[in-house]
Amino acid sequence: MHTLSSREFNQDVGRAKRAAEDGPVVITDRGRPAYVLMRHETYLRISGQEPNIAALLADPASEEVEFEPPRLGADAVRGADFG
């Protein structure tokens, strides 16, 4: 885990963002942990707020995802047996 002082963070935000690629970055204020910088995906995962299917489909990046569902065979659809 990386640690940066508030001053280091303010002077080089890019460095903090690059460090957050490897995991959470603790930002200290007067030598004490005060904030944590992490990737948004990490936050969603650890907070239990991963996106649902509707949010994933609404994401413009989802247009680039290729999806070819498997074809169902003739026996996949059949009438109900009420007997």
N, C-alpha and C. Protein backbone atom coordinates (compact mmCIF):
# COMPACT_ATOMS: atom_id res chain seq x y z
N MET A 1 0.85 -1.18 0.00
CA MET A 1 0.00 0.00 0.00
C MET A 1 0.90 1.24 0.00
N HIS A 2 0.55 2.18 -0.85
CA HIS A 2 1.32 3.43 -0.96
C HIS A 2 0.79 4.45 0.04
N THR A 3 1.67 5.32 0.49
CA THR A 3 1.29 6.41 1.39
C THR A 3 1.91 7.70 0.85
N LEU A 4 1.09 8.74 0.80
CA LEU A 4 1.56 10.06 0.38
C LEU A 4 1.08 11.09 1.39
N SER A 5 1.89 12.10 1.61
CA SER A 5 1.43 13.21 2.45
C SER A 5 0.48 14.07 1.63
N SER A 6 -0.29 14.90 2.31
CA SER A 6 -1.19 15.82 1.60
C SER A 6 -0.41 16.71 0.65
N ARG A 7 0.75 17.13 1.08
CA ARG A 7 1.59 18.00 0.24
C ARG A 7 2.03 17.25 -1.02
N GLU A 8 2.50 16.01 -0.86
CA GLU A 8 2.92 15.22 -2.02
C GLU A 8 1.74 15.01 -2.98
N PHE A 9 0.58 14.73 -2.40
CA PHE A 9 -0.61 14.53 -3.22
C PHE A 9 -0.93 15.78 -4.03
N ASN A 10 -0.93 16.93 -3.37
CA ASN A 10 -1.25 18.20 -4.05
C ASN A 10 -0.22 18.56 -5.12
N GLN A 11 1.03 18.20 -4.89
CA GLN A 11 2.07 18.55 -5.85
C GLN A 11 2.11 17.63 -7.07
N ASP A 12 1.61 16.39 -6.90
CA ASP A 12 1.69 15.45 -8.01
C ASP A 12 0.52 14.47 -7.97
N VAL A 13 -0.65 14.96 -8.38
CA VAL A 13 -1.85 14.12 -8.39
C VAL A 13 -1.67 12.94 -9.33
N GLY A 14 -0.99 13.15 -10.44
CA GLY A 14 -0.74 12.07 -11.40
C GLY A 14 0.00 10.90 -10.76
N ARG A 15 0.97 11.21 -9.93
CA ARG A 15 1.72 10.16 -9.22
C ARG A 15 0.78 9.36 -8.33
N ALA A 16 -0.12 10.05 -7.64
CA ALA A 16 -1.08 9.37 -6.75
C ALA A 16 -2.01 8.47 -7.57
N LYS A 17 -2.46 8.95 -8.71
CA LYS A 17 -3.34 8.14 -9.56
C LYS A 17 -2.62 6.91 -10.08
N ARG A 18 -1.36 7.07 -10.48
CA ARG A 18 -0.59 5.92 -10.94
C ARG A 18 -0.39 4.91 -9.81
N ALA A 19 -0.13 5.41 -8.61
CA ALA A 19 0.05 4.52 -7.46
C ALA A 19 -1.25 3.78 -7.15
N ALA A 20 -2.39 4.42 -7.37
CA ALA A 20 -3.70 3.80 -7.09
C ALA A 20 -3.99 2.64 -8.04
N GLU A 21 -3.27 2.55 -9.15
CA GLU A 21 -3.42 1.41 -10.05
C GLU A 21 -3.00 0.12 -9.36
N ASP A 22 -2.05 0.21 -8.42
CA ASP A 22 -1.54 -0.96 -7.70
C ASP A 22 -2.35 -1.29 -6.46
N GLY A 23 -3.16 -0.36 -6.00
CA GLY A 23 -3.95 -0.57 -4.80
C GLY A 23 -4.22 0.76 -4.12
N PRO A 24 -4.95 0.72 -3.01
CA PRO A 24 -5.30 1.96 -2.32
C PRO A 24 -4.07 2.78 -1.91
N VAL A 25 -4.23 4.10 -1.97
CA VAL A 25 -3.17 5.03 -1.58
C VAL A 25 -3.68 5.80 -0.36
N VAL A 26 -2.94 5.72 0.73
CA VAL A 26 -3.30 6.46 1.94
C VAL A 26 -2.69 7.85 1.84
N ILE A 27 -3.52 8.86 2.05
CA ILE A 27 -3.06 10.24 2.03
C ILE A 27 -3.10 10.74 3.46
N THR A 28 -1.95 11.18 3.94
CA THR A 28 -1.86 11.59 5.33
C THR A 28 -2.02 13.10 5.46
N ASP A 29 -2.48 13.51 6.61
CA ASP A 29 -2.60 14.92 6.96
C ASP A 29 -1.93 15.08 8.31
N ARG A 30 -0.82 15.79 8.31
CA ARG A 30 -0.01 15.97 9.53
C ARG A 30 0.45 14.64 10.11
N GLY A 31 0.81 13.74 9.20
CA GLY A 31 1.37 12.46 9.61
C GLY A 31 0.36 11.39 9.95
N ARG A 32 -0.91 11.72 9.91
CA ARG A 32 -1.95 10.73 10.24
C ARG A 32 -2.77 10.39 9.01
N PRO A 33 -3.13 9.11 8.84
CA PRO A 33 -3.97 8.75 7.70
C PRO A 33 -5.28 9.55 7.71
N ALA A 34 -5.60 10.17 6.58
CA ALA A 34 -6.79 10.99 6.52
C ALA A 34 -7.74 10.59 5.37
N TYR A 35 -7.18 10.17 4.26
CA TYR A 35 -7.98 9.83 3.08
C TYR A 35 -7.39 8.60 2.41
N VAL A 36 -8.21 7.97 1.58
CA VAL A 36 -7.75 6.84 0.79
C VAL A 36 -8.18 7.07 -0.66
N LEU A 37 -7.23 6.97 -1.57
CA LEU A 37 -7.50 7.09 -2.99
C LEU A 37 -7.43 5.70 -3.60
N MET A 38 -8.47 5.33 -4.35
CA MET A 38 -8.48 4.03 -5.00
C MET A 38 -9.26 4.11 -6.30
N ARG A 39 -9.08 3.10 -7.14
CA ARG A 39 -9.84 3.03 -8.38
C ARG A 39 -11.32 2.86 -8.05
N HIS A 40 -12.16 3.43 -8.89
CA HIS A 40 -13.59 3.36 -8.66
C HIS A 40 -14.09 1.92 -8.65
N GLU A 41 -13.54 1.09 -9.52
CA GLU A 41 -13.93 -0.32 -9.56
C GLU A 41 -13.63 -1.01 -8.22
N THR A 42 -12.50 -0.65 -7.61
CA THR A 42 -12.14 -1.22 -6.30
C THR A 42 -13.15 -0.78 -5.26
N TYR A 43 -13.50 0.49 -5.26
CA TYR A 43 -14.48 1.00 -4.31
C TYR A 43 -15.81 0.27 -4.45
N LEU A 44 -16.28 0.12 -5.68
CA LEU A 44 -17.56 -0.56 -5.90
C LEU A 44 -17.50 -2.00 -5.39
N ARG A 45 -16.39 -2.67 -5.65
CA ARG A 45 -16.26 -4.07 -5.24
C ARG A 45 -16.26 -4.20 -3.71
N ILE A 46 -15.47 -3.37 -3.03
CA ILE A 46 -15.38 -3.54 -1.58
C ILE A 46 -16.59 -2.98 -0.84
N SER A 47 -17.34 -2.09 -1.50
CA SER A 47 -18.53 -1.53 -0.85
C SER A 47 -19.79 -2.33 -1.19
N GLY A 48 -19.63 -3.35 -2.04
CA GLY A 48 -20.77 -4.17 -2.41
C GLY A 48 -21.72 -3.48 -3.36
N GLN A 49 -21.24 -2.48 -4.08
CA GLN A 49 -22.09 -1.70 -4.98
C GLN A 49 -21.72 -1.94 -6.44
N GLU A 50 -21.34 -3.14 -6.77
CA GLU A 50 -20.99 -3.42 -8.15
C GLU A 50 -22.19 -3.12 -9.04
N PRO A 51 -21.94 -2.65 -10.26
CA PRO A 51 -23.05 -2.25 -11.13
C PRO A 51 -23.94 -3.43 -11.51
N ASN A 52 -25.23 -3.15 -11.66
CA ASN A 52 -26.16 -4.19 -12.09
C ASN A 52 -26.21 -4.23 -13.61
N ILE A 53 -26.95 -5.15 -14.15
CA ILE A 53 -26.98 -5.34 -15.61
C ILE A 53 -27.49 -4.10 -16.33
N ALA A 54 -28.47 -3.38 -15.75
CA ALA A 54 -29.00 -2.17 -16.40
C ALA A 54 -27.91 -1.10 -16.51
N ALA A 55 -27.12 -0.93 -15.46
CA ALA A 55 -26.04 0.06 -15.50
C ALA A 55 -24.97 -0.33 -16.50
N LEU A 56 -24.65 -1.62 -16.56
CA LEU A 56 -23.65 -2.08 -17.52
C LEU A 56 -24.11 -1.86 -18.96
N LEU A 57 -25.39 -2.13 -19.23
CA LEU A 57 -25.91 -1.94 -20.58
C LEU A 57 -26.02 -0.47 -20.96
N ALA A 58 -26.22 0.41 -19.98
CA ALA A 58 -26.33 1.84 -20.25
C ALA A 58 -24.96 2.48 -20.49
N ASP A 59 -23.90 1.80 -20.11
CA ASP A 59 -22.55 2.33 -20.27
C ASP A 59 -22.20 2.40 -21.76
N PRO A 60 -21.80 3.59 -22.26
CA PRO A 60 -21.46 3.71 -23.68
C PRO A 60 -20.37 2.74 -24.12
N ALA A 61 -19.49 2.36 -23.23
CA ALA A 61 -18.41 1.42 -23.58
C ALA A 61 -18.97 0.04 -23.90
N SER A 62 -20.19 -0.26 -23.45
CA SER A 62 -20.76 -1.59 -23.70
C SER A 62 -21.09 -1.80 -25.17
N GLU A 63 -21.15 -0.72 -25.95
CA GLU A 63 -21.42 -0.85 -27.38
C GLU A 63 -20.31 -1.62 -28.09
N GLU A 64 -19.11 -1.60 -27.53
CA GLU A 64 -17.97 -2.26 -28.15
C GLU A 64 -17.87 -3.73 -27.79
N VAL A 65 -18.68 -4.19 -26.87
CA VAL A 65 -18.63 -5.58 -26.43
C VAL A 65 -19.40 -6.45 -27.42
N GLU A 66 -18.72 -7.46 -27.91
CA GLU A 66 -19.38 -8.39 -28.82
C GLU A 66 -20.05 -9.49 -28.00
N PHE A 67 -21.29 -9.78 -28.34
CA PHE A 67 -22.04 -10.81 -27.62
C PHE A 67 -22.86 -11.59 -28.62
N GLU A 68 -22.63 -12.86 -28.67
CA GLU A 68 -23.35 -13.73 -29.57
C GLU A 68 -23.95 -14.84 -28.72
N PRO A 69 -25.25 -14.72 -28.34
CA PRO A 69 -25.85 -15.74 -27.48
C PRO A 69 -25.94 -17.08 -28.20
N PRO A 70 -25.81 -18.17 -27.47
CA PRO A 70 -25.91 -19.48 -28.11
C PRO A 70 -27.33 -19.73 -28.61
N ARG A 71 -27.45 -20.44 -29.71
CA ARG A 71 -28.76 -20.78 -30.25
C ARG A 71 -29.36 -21.91 -29.43
N LEU A 72 -30.66 -21.81 -29.18
CA LEU A 72 -31.36 -22.87 -28.47
C LEU A 72 -31.76 -23.95 -29.45
N GLY A 73 -31.64 -25.19 -29.04
CA GLY A 73 -32.04 -26.30 -29.89
C GLY A 73 -33.55 -26.43 -29.93
N ALA A 74 -34.05 -27.30 -30.80
CA ALA A 74 -35.48 -27.51 -30.97
C ALA A 74 -36.14 -28.02 -29.69
N ASP A 75 -35.41 -28.75 -28.87
CA ASP A 75 -35.99 -29.30 -27.65
C ASP A 75 -35.96 -28.32 -26.47
N ALA A 76 -35.42 -27.10 -26.68
CA ALA A 76 -35.34 -26.11 -25.62
C ALA A 76 -36.70 -25.54 -25.25
N VAL A 77 -37.62 -25.51 -26.20
CA VAL A 77 -38.96 -24.99 -25.95
C VAL A 77 -39.95 -26.13 -26.10
N ARG A 78 -40.68 -26.36 -25.05
CA ARG A 78 -41.69 -27.42 -25.12
C ARG A 78 -42.89 -27.01 -24.26
N GLY A 79 -43.99 -27.61 -24.50
CA GLY A 79 -45.21 -27.28 -23.75
C GLY A 79 -45.14 -27.79 -22.31
N ALA A 80 -45.94 -27.19 -21.48
CA ALA A 80 -46.00 -27.59 -20.08
C ALA A 80 -46.79 -28.89 -19.94
N ASP A 81 -46.38 -29.73 -19.01
CA ASP A 81 -47.08 -30.98 -18.73
C ASP A 81 -47.91 -30.80 -17.47
N PHE A 82 -49.23 -30.67 -17.63
CA PHE A 82 -50.11 -30.45 -16.48
C PHE A 82 -50.72 -31.74 -15.95
N GLY A 83 -50.28 -32.84 -16.43
CA GLY A 83 -50.89 -34.11 -16.08
C GLY A 83 -50.30 -34.81 -14.96
